[in-house]
């Protein structure tokens, strides 16, 4: 059994080797009355490390910490009086140390002593303070970070916008200059040959000028599709109904070296889409596929039903749900990975100069987005490319696809009156002359108010042909609404150089109304007017 002296030495060693500070204080009478002060009767070596106070044995608390002594006396005095141990955390103001304290009475209280065990938690307190400050300023820092990010994104968008504008205007200038050179050159040669009396060459120059004009029209329509401002006439449609005629058109376009096949999904859902623009988009994709297969190959046009989940929809800025897909795939050369992200940019093309405008895929992209859908492209070098158009499912019956009427405009008409409103004199003249050649009586006006006055004073009006963008305070839509108040059910043909969707109520036009996009063939004007005249009027 160890001796008493050995045990005392053992406990003294433990006492001095403790990491926590430890002391025994004894209450004594002080300047404020009995037991109003205390003296340190024992303290271990860790006391100084944890409290920051040196040589405390024999020292009164009022001599060690001055004005803050009353707080310590009151706290430990309560332990002495009640015998209840306490735990608390407090800062020693004299040294700046934050300590976590356990205190309990020694014996019965007759000794007037309290044992105190404590450790320095200043590092933890500082970390908590920093955390509080971070939390308090988190909202402000997040707002600042978001503002900085938005500013950076705005600067990036502006840079991309300026790059796109430069690319767009450069490409437009190049292509339209070529087309205008063909048109103006043809007119000049026609004038020269007429002055020379050599009329035999006029037909050749007319054909050249008309060809350039048609290419300019196609370029404009592609540009409008890219910018999502083309006018669409969406109708409920099961796309499978288009496949047979589309495949035949593609075969005639791509030539005999390309095999064209279709895969029509059974039970395909309907979608709300402009069938003519969809055919145009798919034909563009098939022409691109043909160009990627110079030695021949296979083009596949395939339809399917697809579910888009929330995650995938968010990635492509779509609504989750059901979609109809129309995919064209080829067995061609494929697209380099670094070009995949750029293929929908305007005027970007991998074809040699002069062999492509670079608007084909951007037109397809614009058409799909304007139809509330999306386009995805997959490609592997040497394996081929697949482009898929996603269109939202339409709940409701689909319209039957009617074959396009490619016949003559109409037989000459008599006794029917048309008002033509357009602020461009040359366009107005051409429309009036073309309609008069078809036998219609024509009235004309250069703005909306003038056109409405003609409607008021002319008893019999069968059709209103109006430009959408008109001067004089009334646009074409407003003129049409006022005209129908005067004559309910009046047939109306809107003519526009671009699709003013806001003016045309985002493509939702009423019965007895049609939209014709400039530039248009005179024959197409006649066909559209004839179709409207065949509808019941007022």
Protein backbone atom coordinates (compact mmCIF):
# COMPACT_ATOMS: atom_id res chain seq x y z
CA UNK A 1 0.00 0.00 0.00
CA UNK A 2 1.52 3.35 -0.97
CA UNK A 3 2.54 5.70 1.76
CA UNK A 4 0.70 8.94 2.46
CA UNK A 5 3.68 10.93 1.32
CA UNK A 6 3.76 8.91 -1.91
CA UNK A 7 0.07 9.49 -2.57
CA UNK A 8 0.43 13.19 -1.94
CA UNK A 9 3.32 13.34 -4.38
CA UNK A 10 1.30 11.41 -6.95
CA UNK A 11 -1.66 13.79 -6.70
CA UNK A 12 0.65 16.80 -6.77
CA UNK A 13 2.12 15.51 -10.04
CA UNK A 14 -1.38 15.10 -11.53
CA UNK A 15 -2.34 18.55 -10.23
CA UNK A 16 0.60 20.22 -11.94
CA UNK A 17 0.34 18.27 -15.20
CA UNK A 18 -3.32 19.11 -15.88
CA UNK A 19 -4.09 21.03 -19.12
CA UNK A 20 -6.96 22.86 -17.44
CA UNK A 21 -6.37 25.62 -14.96
CA UNK A 22 -7.24 24.76 -11.37
CA UNK A 23 -7.28 26.74 -8.17
CA UNK A 24 -8.75 26.83 -4.69
CA UNK A 25 -9.94 30.20 -3.51
CA UNK A 26 -10.75 31.12 0.08
CA UNK A 27 -13.14 33.90 0.94
CA UNK A 28 -11.91 36.57 3.35
CA UNK A 29 -13.21 39.81 4.72
CA UNK A 30 -12.62 42.78 2.47
CA UNK A 31 -13.31 46.49 2.09
CA UNK A 32 -16.97 45.80 1.29
CA UNK A 33 -17.67 43.67 4.33
CA UNK A 34 -17.33 40.09 5.51
CA UNK A 35 -16.33 37.57 2.81
CA UNK A 36 -16.27 40.33 0.15
CA UNK A 37 -12.93 39.24 -1.24
CA UNK A 38 -11.07 36.02 -1.84
CA UNK A 39 -7.48 34.89 -1.96
CA UNK A 40 -5.89 32.14 -4.10
CA UNK A 41 -4.62 29.50 -1.71
CA UNK A 42 -3.67 26.98 -4.44
CA UNK A 43 -3.14 27.14 -8.20
CA UNK A 44 -1.57 24.80 -10.74
CA UNK A 45 0.85 25.68 -13.51
CA UNK A 46 -1.94 25.67 -16.13
CA UNK A 47 -3.66 28.55 -14.35
CA UNK A 48 -1.40 31.07 -15.99
CA UNK A 49 -1.78 29.53 -19.49
CA UNK A 50 -5.56 29.48 -19.32
CA UNK A 51 -6.26 32.74 -17.44
CA UNK A 52 -3.25 34.86 -18.41
CA UNK A 53 -2.61 35.79 -14.77
CA UNK A 54 0.77 35.06 -13.11
CA UNK A 55 1.84 34.38 -9.53
CA UNK A 56 -1.70 34.25 -8.17
CA UNK A 57 -1.06 32.21 -5.01
CA UNK A 58 -1.59 34.46 -1.99
CA UNK A 59 -3.09 37.19 -4.18
CA UNK A 60 -6.52 38.70 -3.63
CA UNK A 61 -8.86 38.88 -6.61
CA UNK A 62 -9.25 42.64 -6.21
CA UNK A 63 -5.52 43.03 -6.61
CA UNK A 64 -5.51 40.84 -9.72
CA UNK A 65 -8.45 42.10 -11.79
CA UNK A 66 -9.46 45.40 -10.22
CA UNK A 67 -12.97 46.65 -11.09
CA UNK A 68 -14.23 43.32 -12.45
CA UNK A 69 -13.54 41.61 -9.08
CA UNK A 70 -17.11 42.22 -7.81
CA UNK A 71 -18.55 40.00 -10.54
CA UNK A 72 -16.24 37.10 -9.75
CA UNK A 73 -16.85 37.49 -5.97
CA UNK A 74 -20.65 37.43 -6.49
CA UNK A 75 -20.50 34.34 -8.72
CA UNK A 76 -18.25 32.24 -6.52
CA UNK A 77 -19.91 33.60 -3.36
CA UNK A 78 -23.19 32.08 -4.50
CA UNK A 79 -21.50 28.68 -4.82
CA UNK A 80 -20.09 29.06 -1.30
CA UNK A 81 -23.46 30.03 0.19
CA UNK A 82 -25.68 27.49 -1.63
CA UNK A 83 -23.29 24.60 -2.12
CA UNK A 84 -24.63 24.26 -5.70
CA UNK A 85 -21.90 23.77 -8.36
CA UNK A 86 -22.12 25.96 -11.47
CA UNK A 87 -20.79 26.00 -15.02
CA UNK A 88 -20.40 29.21 -17.02
CA UNK A 89 -18.30 31.04 -19.59
CA UNK A 90 -16.85 34.51 -19.04
CA UNK A 91 -14.12 36.78 -20.28
CA UNK A 92 -11.37 37.94 -17.93
CA UNK A 93 -11.34 41.56 -19.03
CA UNK A 94 -7.90 42.16 -17.53
CA UNK A 95 -6.24 39.60 -19.84
CA UNK A 96 -8.76 39.12 -22.64
CA UNK A 97 -8.96 35.37 -22.03
CA UNK A 98 -12.36 33.71 -22.42
CA UNK A 99 -12.63 30.82 -19.97
CA UNK A 100 -15.13 28.01 -19.49
CA UNK A 101 -15.50 27.42 -15.74
CA UNK A 102 -16.74 24.72 -13.37
CA UNK A 103 -16.91 25.72 -9.69
CA UNK A 104 -17.98 23.80 -6.58
CA UNK A 105 -17.76 24.30 -2.78
CA UNK A 106 -15.03 22.58 -0.81
CA UNK A 107 -16.32 20.66 2.23
CA UNK A 108 -19.29 21.94 4.22
CA UNK A 109 -18.60 25.59 3.64
CA UNK A 110 -16.99 26.17 7.01
CA UNK A 111 -13.64 26.41 5.24
CA UNK A 112 -14.97 29.28 3.07
CA UNK A 113 -13.29 27.64 0.08
CA UNK A 114 -14.38 27.05 -3.56
CA UNK A 115 -12.57 24.88 -6.09
CA UNK A 116 -12.41 26.27 -9.64
CA UNK A 117 -11.58 24.25 -12.80
CA UNK A 118 -11.37 26.19 -16.06
CA UNK A 119 -9.95 26.17 -19.56
CA UNK A 120 -9.19 28.84 -22.14
CA UNK A 121 -11.80 28.87 -24.98
CA UNK A 122 -10.72 32.15 -26.57
CA UNK A 123 -10.07 30.49 -29.95
CA UNK A 124 -13.55 28.98 -30.00
CA UNK A 125 -15.17 32.25 -28.96
CA UNK A 126 -13.33 34.08 -31.72
CA UNK A 127 -14.42 31.49 -34.28
CA UNK A 128 -18.03 31.86 -33.11
CA UNK A 129 -17.76 35.64 -33.39
CA UNK A 130 -16.43 35.39 -36.91
CA UNK A 131 -19.20 32.95 -37.80
CA UNK A 132 -21.83 35.33 -36.41
CA UNK A 133 -20.40 38.21 -38.39
CA UNK A 134 -20.35 36.05 -41.51
CA UNK A 135 -23.98 35.08 -40.98
CA UNK A 136 -24.98 38.67 -40.31
CA UNK A 137 -23.31 39.84 -43.51
CA UNK A 138 -24.17 36.76 -45.57
CA UNK A 139 -27.23 38.31 -47.21
CA UNK A 140 -25.33 41.44 -48.12
CA UNK A 141 -22.41 39.42 -49.47
CA UNK A 142 -24.72 37.18 -51.49
CA UNK A 143 -26.48 40.24 -52.93
CA UNK A 144 -23.12 41.77 -53.80
CA UNK A 145 -21.89 38.52 -55.36
CA UNK A 146 -25.08 38.19 -57.41
CA UNK A 147 -24.79 41.79 -58.54
CA UNK A 148 -21.18 41.24 -59.56
CA UNK A 149 -22.13 38.03 -61.37
CA UNK A 150 -25.02 39.74 -63.15
CA UNK A 151 -22.71 42.57 -64.18
CA UNK A 152 -20.16 40.09 -65.51
CA UNK A 153 -22.86 38.14 -67.35
CA UNK A 154 -24.26 41.36 -68.82
CA UNK A 155 -20.79 42.28 -70.05
CA UNK A 156 -20.39 38.81 -71.55
CA UNK A 157 -23.82 38.98 -73.20
CA UNK A 158 -22.98 42.40 -74.62
CA UNK A 159 -19.70 41.07 -76.00
CA UNK A 160 -21.45 38.06 -77.50
CA UNK A 161 -24.18 40.31 -78.84
CA UNK A 162 -21.69 42.60 -80.53
CA UNK A 163 -19.84 39.60 -81.96
CA UNK A 164 -23.11 38.18 -83.27
CA UNK A 165 -24.16 41.54 -84.69
CA UNK A 166 -20.82 41.86 -86.46
CA UNK A 167 -21.09 38.34 -87.80
CA UNK A 168 -24.72 38.87 -88.77
CA UNK A 169 -24.26 42.19 -90.56
CA UNK A 170 -21.12 40.99 -92.31
CA UNK A 171 -22.84 37.87 -93.56
CA UNK A 172 -25.95 39.78 -94.60
CA UNK A 173 -23.95 42.42 -96.45
CA UNK A 174 -22.01 39.74 -98.34
CA UNK A 175 -25.05 37.69 -99.36
CA UNK A 176 -27.38 40.59 -100.15
CA UNK A 177 -24.72 42.45 -102.11
CA UNK A 178 -24.36 39.37 -104.31
CA UNK A 179 -28.12 39.10 -104.76
CA UNK A 180 -28.61 42.83 -105.37
CA UNK A 181 -25.83 42.76 -107.93
CA UNK A 182 -27.73 40.04 -109.78
CA UNK A 183 -31.04 41.91 -109.59
CA UNK A 184 -29.72 45.37 -110.49
CA UNK A 185 -27.46 43.95 -113.21
CA UNK A 186 -30.40 42.13 -114.76
CA UNK A 187 -32.47 45.33 -114.81
CA UNK A 188 -29.62 47.29 -116.35
CA UNK A 189 -29.14 44.70 -119.10
CA UNK A 190 -32.90 44.65 -119.76
CA UNK A 191 -32.83 48.44 -120.16
CA UNK A 192 -29.82 48.26 -122.42
CA UNK A 193 -31.31 45.55 -124.63
CA UNK A 194 -34.66 47.36 -124.87
CA UNK A 195 -32.82 50.54 -125.91
CA UNK A 196 -30.96 48.52 -128.53
CA UNK A 197 -34.16 46.87 -129.70
CA UNK A 198 -32.74 43.44 -128.91
CA UNK A 199 -35.72 41.98 -127.06
CA UNK A 200 -34.64 38.39 -127.54
CA UNK A 201 -32.28 38.57 -124.52
CA UNK A 202 -34.81 40.19 -122.18
CA UNK A 203 -36.34 36.89 -121.04
CA UNK A 204 -32.91 35.55 -120.03
CA UNK A 205 -32.17 38.62 -117.89
CA UNK A 206 -35.66 38.54 -116.39
CA UNK A 207 -35.10 34.94 -115.37
CA UNK A 208 -31.74 35.81 -113.79
CA UNK A 209 -33.19 38.75 -111.85
CA UNK A 210 -36.19 36.74 -110.64
CA UNK A 211 -33.89 33.94 -109.51
CA UNK A 212 -31.80 36.37 -107.45
CA UNK A 213 -35.00 37.84 -105.97
CA UNK A 214 -36.20 34.37 -104.97
CA UNK A 215 -32.88 33.65 -103.25
CA UNK A 216 -33.12 36.98 -101.42
CA UNK A 217 -36.62 36.02 -100.29
CA UNK A 218 -35.38 32.67 -99.00
CA UNK A 219 -32.50 34.37 -97.19
CA UNK A 220 -34.88 36.85 -95.55
CA UNK A 221 -37.19 34.07 -94.40
CA UNK A 222 -34.26 32.18 -92.92
CA UNK A 223 -33.13 35.30 -91.12
CA UNK A 224 -36.61 35.85 -89.71
CA UNK A 225 -36.74 32.24 -88.59
CA UNK A 226 -33.39 32.63 -86.85
CA UNK A 227 -34.60 35.76 -85.05
CA UNK A 228 -37.93 34.01 -84.25
CA UNK A 229 -39.92 36.78 -85.94
CA UNK A 230 -41.32 34.87 -88.86
CA UNK A 231 -45.06 34.56 -88.93
CA UNK A 232 -46.30 31.10 -87.99
CA UNK A 233 -49.74 29.64 -88.59
CA UNK A 234 -49.72 26.70 -86.15
CA UNK A 235 -52.35 24.01 -86.51
CA UNK A 236 -52.87 20.71 -84.67
CA UNK A 237 -51.00 18.08 -86.68
CA UNK A 238 -49.78 14.49 -86.49
CA UNK A 239 -46.42 14.87 -88.19
CA UNK A 240 -46.59 11.37 -89.69
CA UNK A 241 -49.10 12.77 -92.17
CA UNK A 242 -46.30 14.85 -93.72
CA UNK A 243 -43.71 12.11 -94.04
CA UNK A 244 -44.67 10.56 -97.37
CA UNK A 245 -44.81 13.82 -99.33
CA UNK A 246 -41.78 15.17 -97.46
CA UNK A 247 -39.71 12.10 -98.26
CA UNK A 248 -40.57 12.44 -101.95
CA UNK A 249 -39.60 16.13 -101.91
CA UNK A 250 -36.31 15.27 -100.18
CA UNK A 251 -35.55 12.53 -102.74
CA UNK A 252 -36.02 14.98 -105.61
CA UNK A 253 -33.85 17.54 -103.81
CA UNK A 254 -30.90 15.39 -102.67
CA UNK A 255 -30.57 13.29 -105.83
CA UNK A 256 -30.30 9.57 -106.60
CA UNK A 257 -27.02 9.02 -104.73
CA UNK A 258 -28.81 9.49 -101.39
CA UNK A 259 -31.23 6.88 -100.05
CA UNK A 260 -34.11 8.46 -98.09
CA UNK A 261 -36.10 6.42 -95.59
CA UNK A 262 -38.76 7.28 -93.03
CA UNK A 263 -39.65 5.70 -89.68
CA UNK A 264 -43.08 6.77 -88.44
CA UNK A 265 -43.81 6.03 -84.79
CA UNK A 266 -47.13 4.30 -84.19
CA UNK A 267 -49.51 6.23 -81.96
CA UNK A 268 -47.64 9.50 -82.55
CA UNK A 269 -49.10 12.40 -80.59
CA UNK A 270 -50.34 15.56 -82.25
CA UNK A 271 -48.42 18.82 -81.98
CA UNK A 272 -49.35 22.45 -82.66
CA UNK A 273 -47.08 23.52 -85.52
CA UNK A 274 -46.93 25.41 -88.82
CA UNK A 275 -46.69 22.49 -91.25
CA UNK A 276 -45.15 24.56 -94.07
CA UNK A 277 -42.40 25.92 -91.84
CA UNK A 278 -41.79 22.46 -90.38
CA UNK A 279 -41.36 21.05 -93.89
CA UNK A 280 -38.99 23.91 -94.70
CA UNK A 281 -36.94 23.22 -91.54
CA UNK A 282 -36.74 19.48 -92.25
CA UNK A 283 -35.78 20.12 -95.88
CA UNK A 284 -32.94 22.36 -94.66
CA UNK A 285 -31.72 19.58 -92.38
CA UNK A 286 -31.85 17.06 -95.23
CA UNK A 287 -29.91 19.39 -97.54
CA UNK A 288 -27.24 19.71 -94.85
CA UNK A 289 -27.21 15.92 -94.54
CA UNK A 290 -26.78 15.56 -98.31
CA UNK A 291 -23.82 17.96 -98.27
CA UNK A 292 -22.21 15.85 -95.53
CA UNK A 293 -22.37 12.76 -97.78
CA UNK A 294 -20.55 13.71 -101.02
CA UNK A 295 -20.14 10.04 -101.94
CA UNK A 296 -23.73 9.09 -101.16
CA UNK A 297 -25.37 7.62 -98.09
CA UNK A 298 -28.66 7.40 -96.21
CA UNK A 299 -30.94 10.05 -94.75
CA UNK A 300 -33.46 8.82 -92.17
CA UNK A 301 -36.44 10.89 -91.05
CA UNK A 302 -37.93 9.48 -87.86
CA UNK A 303 -40.76 10.51 -85.51
CA UNK A 304 -41.24 9.55 -81.87
CA UNK A 305 -43.01 10.43 -78.62
CA UNK A 306 -40.76 11.65 -75.82
CA UNK A 307 -41.12 12.52 -72.13
CA UNK A 308 -38.87 15.35 -70.90
CA UNK A 309 -38.17 15.26 -67.15
CA UNK A 310 -37.72 18.38 -65.03
CA UNK A 311 -33.91 18.25 -64.98
CA UNK A 312 -33.54 17.86 -68.74
CA UNK A 313 -36.21 20.49 -69.36
CA UNK A 314 -34.39 22.99 -67.13
CA UNK A 315 -31.14 22.41 -69.04
CA UNK A 316 -32.84 23.31 -72.32
CA UNK A 317 -35.23 25.99 -71.05
CA UNK A 318 -38.30 23.88 -71.75
CA UNK A 319 -41.38 22.95 -69.81
CA UNK A 320 -41.21 19.35 -68.57
CA UNK A 321 -43.75 17.07 -70.16
CA UNK A 322 -44.61 15.30 -73.39
CA UNK A 323 -42.99 16.15 -76.72
CA UNK A 324 -43.09 14.95 -80.30
CA UNK A 325 -39.67 14.58 -81.92
CA UNK A 326 -38.82 14.67 -85.60
CA UNK A 327 -35.22 13.60 -86.22
CA UNK A 328 -33.13 13.58 -89.38
CA UNK A 329 -29.96 11.49 -89.38
CA UNK A 330 -27.29 10.85 -91.98
CA UNK A 331 -24.31 8.56 -92.50
CA UNK A 332 -22.00 11.42 -93.40
CA UNK A 333 -18.71 12.89 -92.26
CA UNK A 334 -19.96 14.20 -88.92
CA UNK A 335 -19.16 17.48 -87.17
CA UNK A 336 -16.05 18.31 -85.16
CA UNK A 337 -16.72 18.48 -81.43
CA UNK A 338 -15.49 22.08 -81.18
CA UNK A 339 -18.05 23.12 -83.83
CA UNK A 340 -21.10 21.46 -82.26
CA UNK A 341 -21.77 24.41 -79.95
CA UNK A 342 -21.57 26.87 -82.86
CA UNK A 343 -23.67 25.18 -85.51
CA UNK A 344 -26.80 27.17 -84.59
CA UNK A 345 -24.98 30.53 -84.74
CA UNK A 346 -26.02 32.78 -87.64
CA UNK A 347 -23.73 32.56 -90.68
CA UNK A 348 -21.56 29.88 -89.12
CA UNK A 349 -20.83 27.21 -91.70
CA UNK A 350 -18.20 24.57 -92.29
CA UNK A 351 -18.87 24.63 -96.02
CA UNK A 352 -16.49 26.35 -98.44
CA UNK A 353 -17.09 30.04 -99.19
CA UNK A 354 -20.02 30.50 -101.53
CA UNK A 355 -21.56 27.09 -100.82
CA UNK A 356 -23.72 28.01 -97.83
CA UNK A 357 -25.17 31.03 -96.05
CA UNK A 358 -24.81 29.55 -92.57
CA UNK A 359 -28.48 30.32 -91.81
CA UNK A 360 -29.96 26.83 -92.33
CA UNK A 361 -29.47 25.45 -88.81
CA UNK A 362 -30.05 28.83 -87.16
CA UNK A 363 -33.37 28.99 -89.00
CA UNK A 364 -34.29 25.53 -87.71
CA UNK A 365 -33.33 26.58 -84.18
CA UNK A 366 -35.37 29.79 -84.40
CA UNK A 367 -38.40 27.96 -85.77
CA UNK A 368 -38.27 25.34 -83.00
CA UNK A 369 -37.94 27.90 -80.22
CA UNK A 370 -40.74 30.04 -81.70
CA UNK A 371 -42.87 26.88 -81.70
CA UNK A 372 -42.11 26.48 -77.94
CA UNK A 373 -39.80 23.55 -78.64
CA UNK A 374 -36.10 22.91 -78.94
CA UNK A 375 -33.43 21.40 -81.21
CA UNK A 376 -30.69 18.97 -80.20
CA UNK A 377 -27.79 17.77 -82.34
CA UNK A 378 -25.65 14.63 -81.98
CA UNK A 379 -22.65 13.89 -84.16
CA UNK A 380 -19.62 11.60 -84.40
CA UNK A 381 -16.78 12.10 -86.85
CA UNK A 382 -17.04 9.50 -89.59
CA UNK A 383 -20.34 8.17 -88.23
CA UNK A 384 -22.82 10.86 -89.14
CA UNK A 385 -25.12 13.44 -87.56
CA UNK A 386 -28.62 13.44 -86.07
CA UNK A 387 -30.68 16.60 -85.52
CA UNK A 388 -33.90 16.32 -83.50
CA UNK A 389 -36.67 18.91 -83.33
CA UNK A 390 -38.73 18.72 -80.10
CA UNK A 391 -42.29 20.09 -80.29
CA UNK A 392 -44.78 20.12 -77.39
CA UNK A 393 -47.61 17.61 -77.49
CA UNK A 394 -51.00 19.06 -78.37
CA UNK A 395 -54.04 17.68 -76.56
CA UNK A 396 -56.86 17.62 -79.06
CA UNK A 397 -57.77 16.43 -82.54
CA UNK A 398 -55.29 16.99 -85.37
CA UNK A 399 -56.10 18.61 -88.69
CA UNK A 400 -55.77 16.64 -91.86
CA UNK A 401 -52.96 17.77 -94.13
CA UNK A 402 -54.38 19.19 -97.32
CA UNK A 403 -52.28 19.15 -100.49
CA UNK A 404 -51.03 22.58 -101.43
CA UNK A 405 -52.84 24.28 -104.28
CA UNK A 406 -50.23 25.04 -106.89
CA UNK A 407 -52.69 25.99 -109.64
CA UNK A 408 -53.33 29.36 -111.17
CA UNK A 409 -54.28 32.33 -109.05
CA UNK A 410 -57.88 32.55 -110.22
CA UNK A 411 -60.08 33.35 -113.12
CA UNK A 412 -60.78 37.11 -113.67
CA UNK A 413 -63.23 38.49 -111.11
CA UNK A 414 -65.86 41.17 -111.56
CA UNK A 415 -67.98 43.11 -109.13
CA UNK A 416 -65.73 42.60 -106.10
CA UNK A 417 -63.90 45.49 -104.42
CA UNK A 418 -60.62 45.43 -102.53
CA UNK A 419 -59.04 48.19 -100.42
CA UNK A 420 -55.22 48.10 -100.39
CA UNK A 421 -53.45 49.99 -97.57
CA UNK A 422 -49.64 50.21 -97.70
CA UNK A 423 -47.30 53.12 -97.04
CA UNK A 424 -44.77 51.95 -99.64
CA UNK A 425 -45.96 53.35 -103.02
CA UNK A 426 -44.15 50.78 -105.16
CA UNK A 427 -45.51 47.82 -103.20
CA UNK A 428 -49.00 49.32 -103.19
CA UNK A 429 -48.84 49.88 -106.96
CA UNK A 430 -47.77 46.29 -107.65
CA UNK A 431 -50.54 44.85 -105.46
CA UNK A 432 -53.21 47.06 -107.02
CA UNK A 433 -52.04 46.28 -110.57
CA UNK A 434 -51.93 42.55 -109.87
CA UNK A 435 -55.41 42.52 -108.33
CA UNK A 436 -56.86 44.66 -111.12
CA UNK A 437 -55.40 42.20 -113.65
CA UNK A 438 -57.43 39.54 -111.84
CA UNK A 439 -60.58 41.61 -112.29
CA UNK A 440 -60.97 43.17 -108.85
CA UNK A 441 -61.89 46.82 -108.40
CA UNK A 442 -59.24 48.38 -106.17
CA UNK A 443 -59.15 51.36 -103.84
CA UNK A 444 -55.85 52.35 -102.23
CA UNK A 445 -54.61 54.32 -99.22
CA UNK A 446 -51.20 55.07 -97.74
CA UNK A 447 -52.14 54.94 -94.06
CA UNK A 448 -54.75 53.61 -91.67
CA UNK A 449 -56.93 56.70 -91.17
CA UNK A 450 -57.20 57.22 -94.94
CA UNK A 451 -58.12 53.58 -95.45
CA UNK A 452 -60.85 53.73 -92.79
CA UNK A 453 -62.35 56.81 -94.46
CA UNK A 454 -62.59 54.85 -97.71
CA UNK A 455 -64.35 52.06 -95.83
CA UNK A 456 -66.85 54.52 -94.38
CA UNK A 457 -67.80 56.10 -97.70
CA UNK A 458 -67.68 52.98 -99.91
CA UNK A 459 -70.83 50.89 -99.57
CA UNK A 460 -69.50 47.57 -100.90
CA UNK A 461 -66.07 46.32 -99.75
CA UNK A 462 -65.27 42.62 -100.09
CA UNK A 463 -61.65 42.48 -98.88
CA UNK A 464 -59.17 44.61 -96.94
CA UNK A 465 -55.47 44.12 -97.78
CA UNK A 466 -53.34 46.02 -95.27
CA UNK A 467 -49.70 46.27 -94.30
CA UNK A 468 -49.14 45.55 -90.61
CA UNK A 469 -46.64 48.36 -89.96
CA UNK A 470 -48.44 51.55 -90.97
CA UNK A 471 -47.77 55.24 -90.22
CA UNK A 472 -50.46 57.70 -89.10
CA UNK A 473 -51.09 56.35 -85.60
CA UNK A 474 -52.91 53.14 -86.56
CA UNK A 475 -51.14 49.87 -87.31
CA UNK A 476 -52.62 47.21 -89.54
CA UNK A 477 -54.17 45.24 -86.68
CA UNK A 478 -55.92 48.35 -85.34
CA UNK A 479 -57.17 49.19 -88.82
CA UNK A 480 -58.54 45.64 -89.15
CA UNK A 481 -60.34 45.85 -85.81
CA UNK A 482 -61.90 49.20 -86.72
CA UNK A 483 -62.85 47.86 -90.15
CA UNK A 484 -64.63 44.88 -88.65
CA UNK A 485 -66.57 47.19 -86.34
CA UNK A 486 -67.81 48.94 -89.48
CA UNK A 487 -68.30 45.68 -91.40
CA UNK A 488 -68.40 42.56 -89.22
CA UNK A 489 -66.96 39.51 -90.96
CA UNK A 490 -64.95 41.55 -93.49
CA UNK A 491 -62.22 39.41 -95.07
CA UNK A 492 -58.75 40.71 -94.24
CA UNK A 493 -55.30 39.90 -95.64
CA UNK A 494 -52.37 41.20 -93.55
CA UNK A 495 -49.17 41.88 -95.50
CA UNK A 496 -45.96 42.32 -93.53
CA UNK A 497 -42.24 42.59 -94.12
CA UNK A 498 -41.64 40.76 -90.85
CA UNK A 499 -43.81 38.96 -88.35
CA UNK A 500 -44.95 41.58 -85.85
CA UNK A 501 -46.14 39.00 -83.37
CA UNK A 502 -47.24 41.49 -80.73
CA UNK A 503 -49.36 43.37 -83.27
CA UNK A 504 -50.80 40.13 -84.68
CA UNK A 505 -51.63 38.88 -81.17
CA UNK A 506 -48.75 36.37 -81.29
CA UNK A 507 -50.06 34.62 -84.39
CA UNK A 508 -53.64 34.17 -83.13
CA UNK A 509 -55.74 35.71 -85.89
CA UNK A 510 -59.45 35.45 -86.34
CA UNK A 511 -61.49 33.58 -88.88
CA UNK A 512 -61.51 35.26 -92.29
CA UNK A 513 -57.98 36.65 -91.79
CA UNK A 514 -54.73 35.56 -93.43
CA UNK A 515 -51.12 36.74 -93.29
CA UNK A 516 -48.84 37.12 -96.32
CA UNK A 517 -45.14 37.78 -95.70
CA UNK A 518 -43.11 40.11 -97.90
CA UNK A 519 -41.44 39.64 -100.30
CA UNK A 520 -44.05 37.51 -102.05
CA UNK A 521 -44.72 36.35 -105.59
CA UNK A 522 -47.58 38.12 -107.36
CA UNK A 523 -49.05 34.69 -108.08
CA UNK A 524 -49.05 33.90 -104.36
CA UNK A 525 -50.90 37.17 -103.66
CA UNK A 526 -53.56 36.12 -106.17
CA UNK A 527 -53.89 32.67 -104.61
CA UNK A 528 -54.30 34.04 -101.11
CA UNK A 529 -56.87 36.63 -102.17
CA UNK A 530 -58.81 33.97 -104.08
CA UNK A 531 -58.81 31.66 -101.05
CA UNK A 532 -60.13 34.45 -98.83
CA UNK A 533 -62.81 35.40 -101.35
CA UNK A 534 -64.04 31.82 -101.31
CA UNK A 535 -64.66 32.04 -97.56
CA UNK A 536 -68.03 33.30 -96.31
CA UNK A 537 -67.89 37.04 -95.76
CA UNK A 538 -70.24 39.63 -94.33
